[in-house]
Amino acid sequence: MILLNSVLERAKDNYPAGLSDDKLFEFYCVDNILINYDLDYAEIEVCHQRN
Protein backbone atom coordinates (compact mmCIF):
# COMPACT_ATOMS: atom_id res chain seq x y z
CA MET A 1 0.00 0.00 0.00
CA ILE A 2 2.85 2.36 0.81
CA LEU A 3 4.41 1.72 -2.60
CA LEU A 4 1.12 2.42 -4.38
CA ASN A 5 0.62 5.64 -2.43
CA SER A 6 4.15 6.71 -3.36
CA VAL A 7 3.57 5.99 -7.06
CA LEU A 8 0.27 7.89 -7.06
CA GLU A 9 1.78 10.84 -5.22
CA ARG A 10 4.52 11.15 -7.86
CA ALA A 11 1.98 10.83 -10.69
CA LYS A 12 -0.48 13.34 -9.20
CA ASP A 13 0.86 16.28 -11.24
CA ASN A 14 0.09 14.42 -14.49
CA TYR A 15 -3.66 14.43 -13.85
CA PRO A 16 -6.34 17.10 -13.36
CA ALA A 17 -6.00 19.02 -10.11
CA GLY A 18 -8.37 18.39 -7.24
CA LEU A 19 -9.07 14.71 -7.86
CA SER A 20 -10.02 12.60 -4.88
CA ASP A 21 -7.71 9.68 -4.11
CA ASP A 22 -10.25 7.30 -5.68
CA LYS A 23 -10.47 9.34 -8.89
CA LEU A 24 -6.69 9.72 -9.04
CA PHE A 25 -6.35 5.94 -8.82
CA GLU A 26 -8.94 5.52 -11.61
CA PHE A 27 -7.11 7.96 -13.90
CA TYR A 28 -3.77 6.30 -13.14
CA CYS A 29 -5.12 2.82 -13.93
CA VAL A 30 -6.91 3.86 -17.10
CA ASP A 31 -3.89 5.84 -18.26
CA ASN A 32 -1.64 2.81 -17.83
CA ILE A 33 -4.08 0.28 -19.26
CA LEU A 34 -4.72 2.39 -22.36
CA ILE A 35 -1.15 3.67 -22.77
CA ASN A 36 -0.90 2.33 -26.33
CA TYR A 37 -3.99 4.25 -27.47
CA ASP A 38 -2.61 7.76 -26.80
CA LEU A 39 -5.83 9.17 -25.34
CA ASP A 40 -5.90 12.55 -23.64
CA TYR A 41 -7.60 13.10 -20.29
CA ALA A 42 -10.73 14.60 -21.85
CA GLU A 43 -11.27 11.42 -23.91
CA ILE A 44 -10.74 9.25 -20.85
CA GLU A 45 -13.23 11.31 -18.84
CA VAL A 46 -15.85 11.09 -21.62
CA CYS A 47 -15.50 7.31 -21.65
CA HIS A 48 -15.76 7.22 -17.88
CA GLN A 49 -18.92 9.37 -17.91
CA ARG A 50 -20.67 6.89 -20.23
CA ASN A 51 -20.37 4.10 -17.67
C-alpha atoms as a PDB file:
ATOM      1  CA  MET A   1       0.000   0.000   0.000  1.00  0.00           C
ATOM      2  CA  ILE A   2       2.847   2.357   0.812  1.00  0.00           C
ATOM      3  CA  LEU A   3       4.407   1.723  -2.600  1.00  0.00           C
ATOM      4  CA  LEU A   4       1.119   2.422  -4.383  1.00  0.00           C
ATOM      5  CA  ASN A   5       0.623   5.641  -2.432  1.00  0.00           C
ATOM      6  CA  SER A   6       4.148   6.712  -3.357  1.00  0.00           C
ATOM      7  CA  VAL A   7       3.566   5.987  -7.061  1.00  0.00           C
ATOM      8  CA  LEU A   8       0.268   7.889  -7.062  1.00  0.00           C
ATOM      9  CA  GLU A   9       1.781  10.843  -5.219  1.00  0.00           C
ATOM     10  CA  ARG A  10       4.518  11.155  -7.861  1.00  0.00           C
ATOM     11  CA  ALA A  11       1.985  10.826 -10.688  1.00  0.00           C
ATOM     12  CA  LYS A  12      -0.477  13.341  -9.202  1.00  0.00           C
ATOM     13  CA  ASP A  13       0.865  16.284 -11.243  1.00  0.00           C
ATOM     14  CA  ASN A  14       0.091  14.419 -14.488  1.00  0.00           C
ATOM     15  CA  TYR A  15      -3.665  14.430 -13.854  1.00  0.00           C
ATOM     16  CA  PRO A  16      -6.341  17.096 -13.363  1.00  0.00           C
ATOM     17  CA  ALA A  17      -6.002  19.024 -10.106  1.00  0.00           C
ATOM     18  CA  GLY A  18      -8.366  18.395  -7.239  1.00  0.00           C
ATOM     19  CA  LEU A  19      -9.071  14.714  -7.856  1.00  0.00           C
ATOM     20  CA  SER A  20     -10.020  12.595  -4.877  1.00  0.00           C
ATOM     21  CA  ASP A  21      -7.714   9.684  -4.107  1.00  0.00           C
ATOM     22  CA  ASP A  22     -10.246   7.300  -5.683  1.00  0.00           C
ATOM     23  CA  LYS A  23     -10.467   9.336  -8.892  1.00  0.00           C
ATOM     24  CA  LEU A  24      -6.691   9.718  -9.040  1.00  0.00           C
ATOM     25  CA  PHE A  25      -6.349   5.942  -8.821  1.00  0.00           C
ATOM     26  CA  GLU A  26      -8.939   5.519 -11.614  1.00  0.00           C
ATOM     27  CA  PHE A  27      -7.108   7.963 -13.895  1.00  0.00           C
ATOM     28  CA  TYR A  28      -3.771   6.299 -13.142  1.00  0.00           C
ATOM     29  CA  CYS A  29      -5.124   2.822 -13.927  1.00  0.00           C
ATOM     30  CA  VAL A  30      -6.906   3.858 -17.105  1.00  0.00           C
ATOM     31  CA  ASP A  31      -3.893   5.842 -18.262  1.00  0.00           C
ATOM     32  CA  ASN A  32      -1.637   2.812 -17.829  1.00  0.00           C
ATOM     33  CA  ILE A  33      -4.078   0.284 -19.263  1.00  0.00           C
ATOM     34  CA  LEU A  34      -4.725   2.395 -22.361  1.00  0.00           C
ATOM     35  CA  ILE A  35      -1.154   3.672 -22.774  1.00  0.00           C
ATOM     36  CA  ASN A  36      -0.903   2.334 -26.332  1.00  0.00           C
ATOM     37  CA  TYR A  37      -3.994   4.250 -27.471  1.00  0.00           C
ATOM     38  CA  ASP A  38      -2.611   7.756 -26.805  1.00  0.00           C
ATOM     39  CA  LEU A  39      -5.831   9.170 -25.337  1.00  0.00           C
ATOM     40  CA  ASP A  40      -5.902  12.552 -23.643  1.00  0.00           C
ATOM     41  CA  TYR A  41      -7.601  13.097 -20.288  1.00  0.00           C
ATOM     42  CA  ALA A  42     -10.731  14.602 -21.855  1.00  0.00           C
ATOM     43  CA  GLU A  43     -11.267  11.424 -23.907  1.00  0.00           C
ATOM     44  CA  ILE A  44     -10.739   9.250 -20.848  1.00  0.00           C
ATOM     45  CA  GLU A  45     -13.226  11.308 -18.841  1.00  0.00           C
ATOM     46  CA  VAL A  46     -15.850  11.090 -21.622  1.00  0.00           C
ATOM     47  CA  CYS A  47     -15.503   7.311 -21.654  1.00  0.00           C
ATOM     48  CA  HIS A  48     -15.762   7.223 -17.883  1.00  0.00           C
ATOM     49  CA  GLN A  49     -18.922   9.367 -17.909  1.00  0.00           C
ATOM     50  CA  ARG A  50     -20.669   6.892 -20.232  1.00  0.00           C
ATOM     51  CA  ASN A  51     -20.369   4.104 -17.670  1.00  0.00           C
END
